[in-house]
Amino acid sequence: PEYWCSIAYFEMDVQVGETFKVPSSCPIVTVDGYVDPSGGDRFCLGQLSNVHRTEAIERARYAQVPGLPME
């Protein structure tokens, strides 16, 4: 298949940003809180904005800064 994984990011019940598709050529993808543009092997939450974001959501997002690798 062209993609092995799709990642949709939600804050509460609202999807923020577009669904991120991981190409089959990238066996591991990292979800993190940084702001670098997402490539095929990295999905960065820091670049996503939401005018309805609460302080609790901000704290949860910062917990992802180091990154969560998925394979």
PDB file of N, CA and C in Angstrom:
ATOM      1  N   PRO A   1       0.832  -1.209   0.000  1.00  0.00           N
ATOM      2  CA  PRO A   1       0.000   0.000   0.000  1.00  0.00           C
ATOM      3  C   PRO A   1       0.870   1.264   0.000  1.00  0.00           C
ATOM      4  N   GLU A   2       0.315   2.339  -0.472  1.00  0.00           N
ATOM      5  CA  GLU A   2       1.044   3.608  -0.531  1.00  0.00           C
ATOM      6  C   GLU A   2       1.297   4.170   0.873  1.00  0.00           C
ATOM      7  N   TYR A   3       0.327   4.011   1.777  1.00  0.00           N
ATOM      8  CA  TYR A   3       0.440   4.494   3.149  1.00  0.00           C
ATOM      9  C   TYR A   3       0.153   3.339   4.103  1.00  0.00           C
ATOM     10  N   TRP A   4       0.901   3.267   5.214  1.00  0.00           N
ATOM     11  CA  TRP A   4       0.654   2.204   6.192  1.00  0.00           C
ATOM     12  C   TRP A   4      -0.084   2.714   7.422  1.00  0.00           C
ATOM     13  N   CYS A   5      -0.210   4.060   7.544  1.00  0.00           N
ATOM     14  CA  CYS A   5      -0.820   4.629   8.737  1.00  0.00           C
ATOM     15  C   CYS A   5      -1.382   6.012   8.417  1.00  0.00           C
ATOM     16  N   SER A   6      -2.496   6.356   9.032  1.00  0.00           N
ATOM     17  CA  SER A   6      -3.065   7.705   8.953  1.00  0.00           C
ATOM     18  C   SER A   6      -3.250   8.204  10.376  1.00  0.00           C
ATOM     19  N   ILE A   7      -2.858   9.470  10.616  1.00  0.00           N
ATOM     20  CA  ILE A   7      -2.966  10.038  11.955  1.00  0.00           C
ATOM     21  C   ILE A   7      -3.850  11.279  11.885  1.00  0.00           C
ATOM     22  N   ALA A   8      -4.908  11.279  12.675  1.00  0.00           N
ATOM     23  CA  ALA A   8      -5.781  12.451  12.795  1.00  0.00           C
ATOM     24  C   ALA A   8      -5.624  12.973  14.215  1.00  0.00           C
ATOM     25  N   TYR A   9      -5.384  14.264  14.354  1.00  0.00           N
ATOM     26  CA  TYR A   9      -5.182  14.877  15.671  1.00  0.00           C
ATOM     27  C   TYR A   9      -6.450  15.621  16.080  1.00  0.00           C
ATOM     28  N   PHE A  10      -6.934  15.321  17.284  1.00  0.00           N
ATOM     29  CA  PHE A  10      -8.144  15.944  17.806  1.00  0.00           C
ATOM     30  C   PHE A  10      -7.845  16.657  19.115  1.00  0.00           C
ATOM     31  N   GLU A  11      -8.509  17.771  19.326  1.00  0.00           N
ATOM     32  CA  GLU A  11      -8.530  18.446  20.623  1.00  0.00           C
ATOM     33  C   GLU A  11      -9.982  18.443  21.046  1.00  0.00           C
ATOM     34  N   MET A  12     -10.249  17.682  22.098  1.00  0.00           N
ATOM     35  CA  MET A  12     -11.611  17.394  22.545  1.00  0.00           C
ATOM     36  C   MET A  12     -12.285  16.633  21.392  1.00  0.00           C
ATOM     37  N   ASP A  13     -13.350  17.132  20.811  1.00  0.00           N
ATOM     38  CA  ASP A  13     -14.025  16.398  19.732  1.00  0.00           C
ATOM     39  C   ASP A  13     -13.853  17.071  18.371  1.00  0.00           C
ATOM     40  N   VAL A  14     -12.853  17.935  18.228  1.00  0.00           N
ATOM     41  CA  VAL A  14     -12.648  18.686  16.985  1.00  0.00           C
ATOM     42  C   VAL A  14     -11.306  18.300  16.362  1.00  0.00           C
ATOM     43  N   GLN A  15     -11.344  17.857  15.107  1.00  0.00           N
ATOM     44  CA  GLN A  15     -10.097  17.547  14.422  1.00  0.00           C
ATOM     45  C   GLN A  15      -9.368  18.848  14.115  1.00  0.00           C
ATOM     46  N   VAL A  16      -8.071  18.868  14.392  1.00  0.00           N
ATOM     47  CA  VAL A  16      -7.233  20.038  14.149  1.00  0.00           C
ATOM     48  C   VAL A  16      -6.243  19.660  13.052  1.00  0.00           C
ATOM     49  N   GLY A  17      -6.255  20.392  11.972  1.00  0.00           N
ATOM     50  CA  GLY A  17      -5.374  20.081  10.854  1.00  0.00           C
ATOM     51  C   GLY A  17      -5.918  18.942  10.002  1.00  0.00           C
ATOM     52  N   GLU A  18      -5.140  18.615   8.990  1.00  0.00           N
ATOM     53  CA  GLU A  18      -5.532  17.547   8.079  1.00  0.00           C
ATOM     54  C   GLU A  18      -5.005  16.205   8.572  1.00  0.00           C
ATOM     55  N   THR A  19      -5.590  15.142   8.089  1.00  0.00           N
ATOM     56  CA  THR A  19      -5.121  13.802   8.421  1.00  0.00           C
ATOM     57  C   THR A  19      -3.742  13.604   7.797  1.00  0.00           C
ATOM     58  N   PHE A  20      -2.810  13.119   8.599  1.00  0.00           N
ATOM     59  CA  PHE A  20      -1.429  12.896   8.173  1.00  0.00           C
ATOM     60  C   PHE A  20      -1.291  11.442   7.749  1.00  0.00           C
ATOM     61  N   LYS A  21      -0.842  11.216   6.515  1.00  0.00           N
ATOM     62  CA  LYS A  21      -0.677   9.857   5.998  1.00  0.00           C
ATOM     63  C   LYS A  21       0.805   9.518   5.958  1.00  0.00           C
ATOM     64  N   VAL A  22       1.152   8.383   6.535  1.00  0.00           N
ATOM     65  CA  VAL A  22       2.546   7.950   6.611  1.00  0.00           C
ATOM     66  C   VAL A  22       2.831   7.006   5.446  1.00  0.00           C
ATOM     67  N   PRO A  23       3.785   7.387   4.588  1.00  0.00           N
ATOM     68  CA  PRO A  23       4.083   6.527   3.444  1.00  0.00           C
ATOM     69  C   PRO A  23       4.719   5.206   3.867  1.00  0.00           C
ATOM     70  N   SER A  24       4.509   4.198   3.084  1.00  0.00           N
ATOM     71  CA  SER A  24       5.065   2.871   3.371  1.00  0.00           C
ATOM     72  C   SER A  24       6.584   2.880   3.403  1.00  0.00           C
ATOM     73  N   SER A  25       7.198   3.868   2.774  1.00  0.00           N
ATOM     74  CA  SER A  25       8.665   3.956   2.771  1.00  0.00           C
ATOM     75  C   SER A  25       9.229   4.390   4.123  1.00  0.00           C
ATOM     76  N   CYS A  26       8.378   4.821   5.051  1.00  0.00           N
ATOM     77  CA  CYS A  26       8.800   5.241   6.395  1.00  0.00           C
ATOM     78  C   CYS A  26       8.232   4.252   7.413  1.00  0.00           C
ATOM     79  N   PRO A  27       9.039   3.274   7.849  1.00  0.00           N
ATOM     80  CA  PRO A  27       8.513   2.249   8.761  1.00  0.00           C
ATOM     81  C   PRO A  27       8.226   2.754  10.173  1.00  0.00           C
ATOM     82  N   ILE A  28       8.817   3.906  10.548  1.00  0.00           N
ATOM     83  CA  ILE A  28       8.588   4.490  11.872  1.00  0.00           C
ATOM     84  C   ILE A  28       8.201   5.951  11.693  1.00  0.00           C
ATOM     85  N   VAL A  29       7.178   6.382  12.426  1.00  0.00           N
ATOM     86  CA  VAL A  29       6.768   7.788  12.404  1.00  0.00           C
ATOM     87  C   VAL A  29       6.825   8.301  13.840  1.00  0.00           C
ATOM     88  N   THR A  30       7.270   9.548  14.006  1.00  0.00           N
ATOM     89  CA  THR A  30       7.337  10.159  15.330  1.00  0.00           C
ATOM     90  C   THR A  30       6.320  11.288  15.409  1.00  0.00           C
ATOM     91  N   VAL A  31       5.488  11.256  16.445  1.00  0.00           N
ATOM     92  CA  VAL A  31       4.540  12.334  16.725  1.00  0.00           C
ATOM     93  C   VAL A  31       5.151  13.142  17.856  1.00  0.00           C
ATOM     94  N   ASP A  32       5.381  14.441  17.618  1.00  0.00           N
ATOM     95  CA  ASP A  32       6.000  15.267  18.653  1.00  0.00           C
ATOM     96  C   ASP A  32       5.362  16.643  18.722  1.00  0.00           C
ATOM     97  N   GLY A  33       5.799  17.435  19.668  1.00  0.00           N
ATOM     98  CA  GLY A  33       5.231  18.756  19.889  1.00  0.00           C
ATOM     99  C   GLY A  33       6.034  19.883  19.268  1.00  0.00           C
ATOM    100  N   TYR A  34       6.990  19.553  18.430  1.00  0.00           N
ATOM    101  CA  TYR A  34       7.813  20.589  17.810  1.00  0.00           C
ATOM    102  C   TYR A  34       7.087  21.261  16.652  1.00  0.00           C
ATOM    103  N   VAL A  35       7.744  22.206  16.009  1.00  0.00           N
ATOM    104  CA  VAL A  35       7.083  22.985  14.954  1.00  0.00           C
ATOM    105  C   VAL A  35       7.713  22.818  13.579  1.00  0.00           C
ATOM    106  N   ASP A  36       8.704  21.949  13.443  1.00  0.00           N
ATOM    107  CA  ASP A  36       9.280  21.724  12.124  1.00  0.00           C
ATOM    108  C   ASP A  36       8.198  21.169  11.207  1.00  0.00           C
ATOM    109  N   PRO A  37       8.243  21.550   9.947  1.00  0.00           N
ATOM    110  CA  PRO A  37       7.240  20.995   9.024  1.00  0.00           C
ATOM    111  C   PRO A  37       7.291  19.469   9.030  1.00  0.00           C
ATOM    112  N   SER A  38       6.138  18.882   8.986  1.00  0.00           N
ATOM    113  CA  SER A  38       6.071  17.429   8.998  1.00  0.00           C
ATOM    114  C   SER A  38       6.607  16.863   7.692  1.00  0.00           C
ATOM    115  N   GLY A  39       7.411  15.834   7.822  1.00  0.00           N
ATOM    116  CA  GLY A  39       7.892  15.101   6.666  1.00  0.00           C
ATOM    117  C   GLY A  39       7.200  13.761   6.652  1.00  0.00           C
ATOM    118  N   GLY A  40       7.679  12.848   5.857  1.00  0.00           N
ATOM    119  CA  GLY A  40       7.055  11.542   5.776  1.00  0.00           C
ATOM    120  C   GLY A  40       7.167  10.735   7.044  1.00  0.00           C
ATOM    121  N   ASP A  41       8.193  11.047   7.875  1.00  0.00           N
ATOM    122  CA  ASP A  41       8.401  10.243   9.074  1.00  0.00           C
ATOM    123  C   ASP A  41       8.194  11.023  10.369  1.00  0.00           C
ATOM    124  N   ARG A  42       7.578  12.199  10.268  1.00  0.00           N
ATOM    125  CA  ARG A  42       7.400  13.027  11.468  1.00  0.00           C
ATOM    126  C   ARG A  42       6.127  13.863  11.362  1.00  0.00           C
ATOM    127  N   PHE A  43       5.324  13.822  12.413  1.00  0.00           N
ATOM    128  CA  PHE A  43       4.095  14.614  12.487  1.00  0.00           C
ATOM    129  C   PHE A  43       4.240  15.542  13.689  1.00  0.00           C
ATOM    130  N   CYS A  44       4.347  16.851  13.435  1.00  0.00           N
ATOM    131  CA  CYS A  44       4.618  17.834  14.489  1.00  0.00           C
ATOM    132  C   CYS A  44       3.336  18.548  14.896  1.00  0.00           C
ATOM    133  N   LEU A  45       2.951  18.370  16.155  1.00  0.00           N
ATOM    134  CA  LEU A  45       1.737  19.006  16.659  1.00  0.00           C
ATOM    135  C   LEU A  45       1.918  20.510  16.881  1.00  0.00           C
ATOM    136  N   GLY A  46       3.149  20.956  17.084  1.00  0.00           N
ATOM    137  CA  GLY A  46       3.403  22.356  17.396  1.00  0.00           C
ATOM    138  C   GLY A  46       2.998  23.319  16.310  1.00  0.00           C
ATOM    139  N   GLN A  47       2.905  22.856  15.077  1.00  0.00           N
ATOM    140  CA  GLN A  47       2.543  23.743  13.978  1.00  0.00           C
ATOM    141  C   GLN A  47       1.031  23.890  13.804  1.00  0.00           C
ATOM    142  N   LEU A  48       0.255  23.128  14.551  1.00  0.00           N
ATOM    143  CA  LEU A  48      -1.200  23.176  14.433  1.00  0.00           C
ATOM    144  C   LEU A  48      -1.783  24.204  15.392  1.00  0.00           C
ATOM    145  N   SER A  49      -2.662  25.050  14.889  1.00  0.00           N
ATOM    146  CA  SER A  49      -3.278  26.065  15.745  1.00  0.00           C
ATOM    147  C   SER A  49      -4.776  25.808  15.884  1.00  0.00           C
ATOM    148  N   ASN A  50      -5.321  26.285  16.993  1.00  0.00           N
ATOM    149  CA  ASN A  50      -6.744  26.141  17.275  1.00  0.00           C
ATOM    150  C   ASN A  50      -7.138  27.295  18.197  1.00  0.00           C
ATOM    151  N   VAL A  51      -8.020  28.153  17.743  1.00  0.00           N
ATOM    152  CA  VAL A  51      -8.408  29.324  18.538  1.00  0.00           C
ATOM    153  C   VAL A  51      -9.183  28.938  19.797  1.00  0.00           C
ATOM    154  N   HIS A  52      -9.680  27.717  19.865  1.00  0.00           N
ATOM    155  CA  HIS A  52     -10.465  27.270  21.018  1.00  0.00           C
ATOM    156  C   HIS A  52      -9.639  26.413  21.980  1.00  0.00           C
ATOM    157  N   ARG A  53      -8.327  26.423  21.846  1.00  0.00           N
ATOM    158  CA  ARG A  53      -7.447  25.596  22.681  1.00  0.00           C
ATOM    159  C   ARG A  53      -7.478  26.083  24.128  1.00  0.00           C
ATOM    160  N   THR A  54      -7.603  25.144  25.058  1.00  0.00           N
ATOM    161  CA  THR A  54      -7.631  25.474  26.485  1.00  0.00           C
ATOM    162  C   THR A  54      -6.243  25.263  27.088  1.00  0.00           C
ATOM    163  N   GLU A  55      -6.071  25.715  28.321  1.00  0.00           N
ATOM    164  CA  GLU A  55      -4.798  25.527  29.018  1.00  0.00           C
ATOM    165  C   GLU A  55      -4.511  24.038  29.238  1.00  0.00           C
ATOM    166  N   ALA A  56      -5.530  23.254  29.525  1.00  0.00           N
ATOM    167  CA  ALA A  56      -5.344  21.814  29.729  1.00  0.00           C
ATOM    168  C   ALA A  56      -4.847  21.143  28.452  1.00  0.00           C
ATOM    169  N   ILE A  57      -5.365  21.563  27.317  1.00  0.00           N
ATOM    170  CA  ILE A  57      -4.902  21.017  26.039  1.00  0.00           C
ATOM    171  C   ILE A  57      -3.454  21.412  25.795  1.00  0.00           C
ATOM    172  N   GLU A  58      -3.090  22.654  26.118  1.00  0.00           N
ATOM    173  CA  GLU A  58      -1.703  23.111  25.953  1.00  0.00           C
ATOM    174  C   GLU A  58      -0.756  22.232  26.771  1.00  0.00           C
ATOM    175  N   ARG A  59      -1.125  21.924  28.008  1.00  0.00           N
ATOM    176  CA  ARG A  59      -0.268  21.081  28.848  1.00  0.00           C
ATOM    177  C   ARG A  59      -0.111  19.685  28.246  1.00  0.00           C
ATOM    178  N   ALA A  60      -1.186  19.140  27.729  1.00  0.00           N
ATOM    179  CA  ALA A  60      -1.127  17.813  27.114  1.00  0.00           C
ATOM    180  C   ALA A  60      -0.254  17.834  25.862  1.00  0.00           C
ATOM    181  N   ARG A  61      -0.341  18.899  25.094  1.00  0.00           N
ATOM    182  CA  ARG A  61       0.487  19.013  23.882  1.00  0.00           C
ATOM    183  C   ARG A  61       1.968  19.084  24.236  1.00  0.00           C
ATOM    184  N   TYR A  62       2.311  19.826  25.289  1.00  0.00           N
ATOM    185  CA  TYR A  62       3.714  19.935  25.683  1.00  0.00           C
ATOM    186  C   TYR A  62       4.263  18.603  26.167  1.00  0.00           C
ATOM    187  N   ALA A  63       3.404  17.733  26.648  1.00  0.00           N
ATOM    188  CA  ALA A  63       3.862  16.419  27.079  1.00  0.00           C
ATOM    189  C   ALA A  63       4.357  15.586  25.890  1.00  0.00           C
ATOM    190  N   GLN A  64       3.951  15.948  24.685  1.00  0.00           N
ATOM    191  CA  GLN A  64       4.364  15.228  23.475  1.00  0.00           C
ATOM    192  C   GLN A  64       5.667  15.766  22.882  1.00  0.00           C
ATOM    193  N   VAL A  65       6.235  16.822  23.455  1.00  0.00           N
ATOM    194  CA  VAL A  65       7.428  17.450  22.873  1.00  0.00           C
ATOM    195  C   VAL A  65       8.540  16.444  22.592  1.00  0.00           C
ATOM    196  N   PRO A  66       8.899  15.535  23.530  1.00  0.00           N
ATOM    197  CA  PRO A  66      10.005  14.626  23.243  1.00  0.00           C
ATOM    198  C   PRO A  66       9.734  13.699  22.057  1.00  0.00           C
ATOM    199  N   GLY A  67       8.508  13.414  21.800  1.00  0.00           N
ATOM    200  CA  GLY A  67       8.154  12.571  20.667  1.00  0.00           C
ATOM    201  C   GLY A  67       7.707  11.183  21.074  1.00  0.00           C
ATOM    202  N   LEU A  68       6.787  10.661  20.290  1.00  0.00           N
ATOM    203  CA  LEU A  68       6.243   9.328  20.495  1.00  0.00           C
ATOM    204  C   LEU A  68       6.446   8.552  19.207  1.00  0.00           C
ATOM    205  N   PRO A  69       7.448   7.658  19.171  1.00  0.00           N
ATOM    206  CA  PRO A  69       7.657   6.878  17.942  1.00  0.00           C
ATOM    207  C   PRO A  69       6.611   5.780  17.803  1.00  0.00           C
ATOM    208  N   MET A  70       6.146   5.563  16.583  1.00  0.00           N
ATOM    209  CA  MET A  70       5.166   4.519  16.310  1.00  0.00           C
ATOM    210  C   MET A  70       5.665   3.703  15.122  1.00  0.00           C
ATOM    211  N   GLU A  71       5.505   2.392  15.223  1.00  0.00           N
ATOM    212  CA  GLU A  71       5.894   1.555  14.100  1.00  0.00           C
ATOM    213  C   GLU A  71       4.834   0.515  13.809  1.00  0.00           C
TER     214      GLU A  71
END
